[in-house]
Amino acid sequence: GATVKATIVAHGRGDKVRIFKMRRRKHYQKNQGHRQNYTEIRIDGISA
């Protein structure tokens, strides 16, 4: 049961990740991209 004090530093988005799916001999190709949202925080103190 610890308590953590934190401050939000920034919001941002990660690098783009490419997802490519393909089934051989079936004429199936799927291309997709994804960018994960994140919140950067600074830990100010931990009290147990």
N, C-alpha and C. Protein backbone atom coordinates (compact mmCIF):
# COMPACT_ATOMS: atom_id res chain seq x y z
N GLY A 1 0.80 -1.20 0.00
CA GLY A 1 0.00 0.00 0.00
C GLY A 1 0.84 1.25 0.00
N ALA A 2 1.51 1.53 -1.10
CA ALA A 2 2.32 2.75 -1.21
C ALA A 2 1.51 3.84 -1.92
N THR A 3 1.89 5.09 -1.67
CA THR A 3 1.28 6.24 -2.34
C THR A 3 2.34 6.93 -3.19
N VAL A 4 1.96 7.25 -4.41
CA VAL A 4 2.90 7.85 -5.36
C VAL A 4 2.37 9.22 -5.78
N LYS A 5 3.22 10.24 -5.69
CA LYS A 5 2.90 11.58 -6.19
C LYS A 5 3.57 11.75 -7.54
N ALA A 6 2.81 12.17 -8.54
CA ALA A 6 3.37 12.31 -9.89
C ALA A 6 2.83 13.57 -10.54
N THR A 7 3.57 14.10 -11.50
CA THR A 7 3.19 15.27 -12.28
C THR A 7 3.22 14.91 -13.75
N ILE A 8 2.18 15.33 -14.47
CA ILE A 8 2.14 15.08 -15.91
C ILE A 8 3.10 16.04 -16.60
N VAL A 9 4.01 15.49 -17.40
CA VAL A 9 5.01 16.29 -18.10
C VAL A 9 4.55 16.60 -19.52
N ALA A 10 4.09 15.58 -20.25
CA ALA A 10 3.71 15.79 -21.65
C ALA A 10 2.80 14.66 -22.11
N HIS A 11 2.02 14.97 -23.13
CA HIS A 11 1.25 13.97 -23.86
C HIS A 11 1.91 13.81 -25.22
N GLY A 12 1.82 12.64 -25.77
CA GLY A 12 2.44 12.44 -27.07
C GLY A 12 1.94 11.18 -27.74
N ARG A 13 2.52 10.91 -28.89
CA ARG A 13 2.19 9.69 -29.63
C ARG A 13 3.50 9.00 -30.00
N GLY A 14 3.48 7.69 -29.92
CA GLY A 14 4.67 6.91 -30.22
C GLY A 14 4.94 6.84 -31.72
N ASP A 15 6.01 6.14 -32.06
CA ASP A 15 6.36 5.95 -33.46
C ASP A 15 5.33 5.05 -34.14
N LYS A 16 5.20 5.22 -35.46
CA LYS A 16 4.25 4.41 -36.21
C LYS A 16 4.76 2.98 -36.33
N VAL A 17 3.86 2.05 -36.08
CA VAL A 17 4.15 0.62 -36.23
C VAL A 17 3.35 0.13 -37.42
N ARG A 18 4.02 -0.53 -38.36
CA ARG A 18 3.37 -1.05 -39.55
C ARG A 18 3.01 -2.52 -39.35
N ILE A 19 1.77 -2.86 -39.66
CA ILE A 19 1.31 -4.24 -39.60
C ILE A 19 0.96 -4.66 -41.03
N PHE A 20 1.60 -5.71 -41.50
CA PHE A 20 1.36 -6.20 -42.85
C PHE A 20 1.03 -7.68 -42.77
N LYS A 21 -0.17 -8.03 -43.24
CA LYS A 21 -0.59 -9.43 -43.24
C LYS A 21 -0.75 -9.88 -44.68
N MET A 22 -0.35 -11.11 -44.93
CA MET A 22 -0.44 -11.63 -46.30
C MET A 22 -0.65 -13.14 -46.23
N ARG A 23 -1.56 -13.62 -47.08
CA ARG A 23 -1.75 -15.06 -47.22
C ARG A 23 -1.27 -15.46 -48.60
N ARG A 24 -0.35 -16.37 -48.64
CA ARG A 24 0.24 -16.74 -49.92
C ARG A 24 -0.78 -17.48 -50.79
N ARG A 25 -0.70 -17.19 -52.06
CA ARG A 25 -1.52 -17.82 -53.11
C ARG A 25 -3.01 -17.51 -52.99
N LYS A 26 -3.41 -16.60 -52.14
CA LYS A 26 -4.84 -16.30 -51.95
C LYS A 26 -5.19 -14.87 -52.37
N HIS A 27 -4.23 -14.11 -52.86
CA HIS A 27 -4.44 -12.73 -53.29
C HIS A 27 -5.00 -11.89 -52.15
N TYR A 28 -4.46 -12.10 -50.93
CA TYR A 28 -4.91 -11.38 -49.74
C TYR A 28 -3.72 -10.63 -49.15
N GLN A 29 -3.87 -9.31 -49.10
CA GLN A 29 -2.87 -8.47 -48.46
C GLN A 29 -3.59 -7.41 -47.65
N LYS A 30 -3.10 -7.16 -46.45
CA LYS A 30 -3.72 -6.18 -45.57
C LYS A 30 -2.60 -5.35 -44.96
N ASN A 31 -2.71 -4.04 -45.06
CA ASN A 31 -1.71 -3.12 -44.53
C ASN A 31 -2.38 -2.22 -43.51
N GLN A 32 -1.77 -2.10 -42.34
CA GLN A 32 -2.37 -1.32 -41.27
C GLN A 32 -1.27 -0.61 -40.50
N GLY A 33 -1.59 0.55 -39.95
CA GLY A 33 -0.63 1.30 -39.14
C GLY A 33 -1.22 1.60 -37.78
N HIS A 34 -0.34 1.86 -36.81
CA HIS A 34 -0.80 2.13 -35.45
C HIS A 34 0.19 3.07 -34.76
N ARG A 35 -0.36 4.06 -34.04
CA ARG A 35 0.45 4.92 -33.18
C ARG A 35 -0.20 4.95 -31.80
N GLN A 36 0.57 4.56 -30.80
CA GLN A 36 0.05 4.48 -29.44
C GLN A 36 0.15 5.85 -28.76
N ASN A 37 -0.94 6.28 -28.13
CA ASN A 37 -0.92 7.49 -27.31
C ASN A 37 -0.24 7.19 -25.98
N TYR A 38 0.47 8.16 -25.43
CA TYR A 38 1.09 7.97 -24.12
C TYR A 38 1.10 9.28 -23.36
N THR A 39 1.23 9.18 -22.05
CA THR A 39 1.36 10.32 -21.16
C THR A 39 2.68 10.17 -20.41
N GLU A 40 3.53 11.18 -20.51
CA GLU A 40 4.82 11.16 -19.82
C GLU A 40 4.64 11.80 -18.45
N ILE A 41 5.07 11.11 -17.41
CA ILE A 41 4.90 11.62 -16.05
C ILE A 41 6.25 11.68 -15.35
N ARG A 42 6.32 12.55 -14.32
CA ARG A 42 7.50 12.63 -13.47
C ARG A 42 7.08 12.23 -12.06
N ILE A 43 7.80 11.28 -11.49
CA ILE A 43 7.51 10.82 -10.13
C ILE A 43 8.13 11.81 -9.15
N ASP A 44 7.28 12.43 -8.32
CA ASP A 44 7.76 13.42 -7.36
C ASP A 44 8.10 12.80 -6.01
N GLY A 45 7.37 11.77 -5.63
CA GLY A 45 7.67 11.15 -4.35
C GLY A 45 6.91 9.85 -4.16
N ILE A 46 7.51 8.95 -3.38
CA ILE A 46 6.88 7.68 -3.04
C ILE A 46 6.91 7.56 -1.52
N SER A 47 5.73 7.34 -0.93
CA SER A 47 5.67 7.16 0.52
C SER A 47 4.97 5.83 0.81
N ALA A 48 5.60 5.04 1.65
CA ALA A 48 5.05 3.72 1.95
C ALA A 48 4.38 3.72 3.32
